[in-house]
């Protein structure tokens, strides 16, 4: 998976940060997070350890930054899959297809990001929460913008949107644990059904 630059500003600091995230991604894709060292990251990035520590406090902070960058990249693909000309159910299904395909591109990296982020304590959980809130916000925007033909009496609320995101994440985690990341596309159907079930009963 290609990691988007963290900032559009063309400065040395941003360039080094992006290279370090790419270096981290390449290293964990080969060795996993536990066996990846700062030395591995800087070697892959082609920078010095001094530069690494100017950007990150340590390996854990770099992983969190990578997690957020990869998640934003996947969220960007979600947005690009949206076509307002279609009803929201079709838009959500297409967005899920793009999202899961994006994650399936690098199974080892996805396993590292989804599993290891949970072991980083409060900082890792906070990063996961921020990403989930962004995805839930995206879902709210798409679903509530077009309620044509929907049986609901009220718009989907933030709490239920977060519940949907949590349910989809659990489906993804199950596939990761079963080493089936390359088959994540199989989850488009169940995930879409979950969205429809919740939105049709939300009041």
Protein backbone atom coordinates (compact mmCIF):
# COMPACT_ATOMS: atom_id res chain seq x y z
CA UNK A 1 0.00 0.00 0.00
CA UNK A 2 1.29 3.41 -0.91
CA UNK A 3 1.32 5.82 2.01
CA UNK A 4 0.12 9.33 1.29
CA UNK A 5 2.34 12.19 2.37
CA UNK A 6 1.31 13.55 5.76
CA UNK A 7 1.39 17.13 4.51
CA UNK A 8 1.17 18.78 1.13
CA UNK A 9 3.79 21.36 2.16
CA UNK A 10 7.05 20.67 0.35
CA UNK A 11 9.49 20.94 3.27
CA UNK A 12 12.44 18.74 4.26
CA UNK A 13 10.72 17.74 7.50
CA UNK A 14 7.61 16.51 5.67
CA UNK A 15 9.71 14.73 3.06
CA UNK A 16 11.71 12.90 5.74
CA UNK A 17 8.54 11.99 7.62
CA UNK A 18 6.97 10.53 4.50
CA UNK A 19 10.13 8.55 3.70
CA UNK A 20 10.20 7.18 7.24
CA UNK A 21 6.59 6.08 7.00
CA UNK A 22 7.34 4.33 3.72
CA UNK A 23 10.39 2.75 5.35
CA UNK A 24 8.29 1.56 8.27
CA UNK A 25 5.66 0.14 5.90
CA UNK A 26 8.26 -1.78 3.88
CA UNK A 27 9.95 -3.15 6.98
CA UNK A 28 6.83 -4.32 8.79
CA UNK A 29 5.52 -5.84 5.55
CA UNK A 30 8.59 -8.09 5.52
CA UNK A 31 9.43 -8.58 9.22
CA UNK A 32 6.35 -7.58 11.17
CA UNK A 33 6.27 -4.87 13.82
CA UNK A 34 7.86 -6.82 16.67
CA UNK A 35 11.00 -7.61 14.68
CA UNK A 36 11.27 -4.21 13.02
CA UNK A 37 13.89 -1.92 14.56
CA UNK A 38 14.58 1.77 14.14
CA UNK A 39 17.70 0.72 12.26
CA UNK A 40 15.50 -1.19 9.79
CA UNK A 41 13.23 1.80 9.31
CA UNK A 42 16.00 4.32 8.64
CA UNK A 43 17.79 1.89 6.31
CA UNK A 44 14.62 1.47 4.25
CA UNK A 45 14.01 5.22 4.33
CA UNK A 46 17.59 6.15 3.48
CA UNK A 47 17.92 8.60 6.38
CA UNK A 48 19.82 8.74 9.66
CA UNK A 49 18.66 7.71 13.12
CA UNK A 50 19.01 11.34 14.12
CA UNK A 51 16.48 12.28 11.46
CA UNK A 52 14.15 9.55 12.71
CA UNK A 53 14.19 10.89 16.26
CA UNK A 54 13.64 14.41 14.98
CA UNK A 55 10.35 13.15 13.51
CA UNK A 56 9.25 10.52 16.00
CA UNK A 57 9.79 9.79 19.69
CA UNK A 58 10.15 6.09 18.93
CA UNK A 59 8.98 3.09 16.96
CA UNK A 60 5.49 3.11 18.51
CA UNK A 61 4.85 6.73 17.51
CA UNK A 62 5.99 5.92 13.98
CA UNK A 63 3.58 2.98 13.84
CA UNK A 64 0.69 5.19 14.94
CA UNK A 65 1.59 7.72 12.24
CA UNK A 66 1.75 4.91 9.67
CA UNK A 67 -1.61 3.56 10.83
CA UNK A 68 -3.23 6.97 10.43
CA UNK A 69 -1.58 7.59 7.04
CA UNK A 70 -2.65 4.19 5.71
CA UNK A 71 -6.17 4.71 7.06
CA UNK A 72 -6.41 8.14 5.43
CA UNK A 73 -5.27 6.59 2.17
CA UNK A 74 -8.04 3.99 2.43
CA UNK A 75 -10.54 6.71 3.38
CA UNK A 76 -9.50 8.66 0.29
CA UNK A 77 -10.35 5.61 -1.81
CA UNK A 78 -13.72 5.46 -0.06
CA UNK A 79 -14.40 9.03 -1.14
CA UNK A 80 -13.28 8.44 -4.72
CA UNK A 81 -15.66 5.49 -5.01
CA UNK A 82 -18.69 7.67 -4.29
CA UNK A 83 -20.97 8.66 -7.18
CA UNK A 84 -23.90 10.84 -6.07
CA UNK A 85 -25.79 9.77 -9.18
CA UNK A 86 -26.48 6.43 -7.47
CA UNK A 87 -28.60 5.73 -4.39
CA UNK A 88 -26.77 5.58 -1.09
CA UNK A 89 -26.95 1.78 -0.84
CA UNK A 90 -25.01 1.43 -4.10
CA UNK A 91 -22.56 4.13 -3.06
CA UNK A 92 -21.83 2.37 0.24
CA UNK A 93 -21.33 -0.99 -1.49
CA UNK A 94 -18.91 0.53 -3.99
CA UNK A 95 -17.07 2.37 -1.21
CA UNK A 96 -16.72 -0.84 0.81
CA UNK A 97 -15.42 -2.66 -2.26
CA UNK A 98 -12.73 0.01 -2.77
CA UNK A 99 -11.88 0.14 0.95
CA UNK A 100 -11.44 -3.62 1.35
CA UNK A 101 -9.52 -3.90 -1.93
CA UNK A 102 -7.15 -1.19 -0.70
CA UNK A 103 -6.45 -3.11 2.50
CA UNK A 104 -6.04 -6.43 0.72
CA UNK A 105 -3.11 -5.06 -1.27
CA UNK A 106 -0.68 -5.67 1.59
CA UNK A 107 -1.79 -8.46 3.97
CA UNK A 108 1.25 -8.32 6.29
CA UNK A 109 1.04 -4.56 6.68
CA UNK A 110 -2.69 -4.71 7.38
CA UNK A 111 -2.21 -7.39 10.02
CA UNK A 112 0.47 -5.26 11.67
CA UNK A 113 -1.63 -2.12 11.63
CA UNK A 114 -4.89 -3.68 12.81
CA UNK A 115 -3.40 -5.96 15.46
CA UNK A 116 -0.34 -4.12 16.76
CA UNK A 117 -2.11 -0.77 17.09
CA UNK A 118 -4.23 -2.34 19.83
CA UNK A 119 -1.12 -3.18 21.83
CA UNK A 120 0.21 0.38 22.01
CA UNK A 121 -1.93 1.40 24.94
CA UNK A 122 -3.90 4.63 25.19
CA UNK A 123 -2.12 6.32 22.28
CA UNK A 124 -2.87 3.43 19.93
CA UNK A 125 -6.50 3.22 21.02
CA UNK A 126 -6.90 6.98 20.57
CA UNK A 127 -5.54 6.74 17.02
CA UNK A 128 -7.93 3.88 16.25
CA UNK A 129 -10.82 5.91 17.64
CA UNK A 130 -9.92 8.93 15.48
CA UNK A 131 -9.82 6.80 12.35
CA UNK A 132 -13.12 5.08 13.20
CA UNK A 133 -14.77 8.45 13.79
CA UNK A 134 -13.61 9.65 10.37
CA UNK A 135 -15.07 6.56 8.69
CA UNK A 136 -18.30 6.91 10.65
CA UNK A 137 -18.50 10.56 9.61
CA UNK A 138 -18.05 9.56 5.98
CA UNK A 139 -20.86 7.02 6.33
CA UNK A 140 -23.17 9.58 7.92
CA UNK A 141 -22.54 12.05 5.12
CA UNK A 142 -23.29 9.53 2.37
CA UNK A 143 -26.33 7.88 3.96
CA UNK A 144 -28.02 10.99 5.31
CA UNK A 145 -27.47 12.94 2.09
CA UNK A 146 -29.78 10.59 0.19
CA UNK A 147 -32.75 9.05 1.99
CA UNK A 148 -34.74 8.34 -1.16
CA UNK A 149 -36.73 5.15 -0.81
CA UNK A 150 -35.43 4.52 2.71
CA UNK A 151 -37.81 3.08 5.28
CA UNK A 152 -36.16 4.92 8.17
CA UNK A 153 -38.08 7.64 10.01
CA UNK A 154 -34.98 9.56 11.02
CA UNK A 155 -31.39 10.08 9.80
CA UNK A 156 -28.67 7.70 10.91
CA UNK A 157 -27.11 9.06 14.10
CA UNK A 158 -23.37 9.15 15.00
CA UNK A 159 -23.67 6.39 17.59
CA UNK A 160 -25.21 3.93 15.16
CA UNK A 161 -22.70 4.90 12.48
CA UNK A 162 -19.88 4.07 14.91
CA UNK A 163 -21.58 0.76 15.71
CA UNK A 164 -21.55 -0.11 12.00
CA UNK A 165 -17.85 0.76 11.73
CA UNK A 166 -17.11 -1.37 14.79
CA UNK A 167 -18.99 -4.32 13.32
CA UNK A 168 -17.15 -4.08 10.01
CA UNK A 169 -13.82 -3.82 11.84
CA UNK A 170 -14.60 -7.03 13.70
CA UNK A 171 -15.29 -8.79 10.41
CA UNK A 172 -11.95 -7.53 9.07
CA UNK A 173 -10.08 -8.58 12.23
CA UNK A 174 -11.54 -12.07 11.95
CA UNK A 175 -10.22 -12.39 8.41
CA UNK A 176 -6.82 -11.03 9.48
CA UNK A 177 -6.60 -13.57 12.30
CA UNK A 178 -7.44 -16.32 9.82
CA UNK A 179 -4.76 -15.10 7.38
CA UNK A 180 -7.43 -14.30 4.80
CA UNK A 181 -6.59 -10.66 4.12
CA UNK A 182 -6.30 -11.37 0.40
CA UNK A 183 -9.96 -12.47 0.52
CA UNK A 184 -11.30 -9.32 2.21
CA UNK A 185 -13.47 -8.69 -0.83
CA UNK A 186 -15.72 -11.48 0.45
CA UNK A 187 -16.80 -9.12 3.23
CA UNK A 188 -18.45 -6.61 0.89
CA UNK A 189 -21.72 -8.56 1.03
CA UNK A 190 -21.92 -9.05 4.83
CA UNK A 191 -20.73 -5.48 5.50
CA UNK A 192 -23.28 -4.02 3.08
CA UNK A 193 -26.02 -6.12 4.68
CA UNK A 194 -25.00 -4.80 8.10
CA UNK A 195 -25.26 -1.21 6.89
CA UNK A 196 -28.68 -1.80 5.35
CA UNK A 197 -29.98 -3.63 8.43
CA UNK A 198 -28.94 -0.87 10.80
CA UNK A 199 -30.04 2.02 8.64
CA UNK A 200 -33.46 0.51 8.00
CA UNK A 201 -34.14 0.16 11.71
CA UNK A 202 -32.62 3.41 12.95
CA UNK A 203 -35.18 5.83 14.38
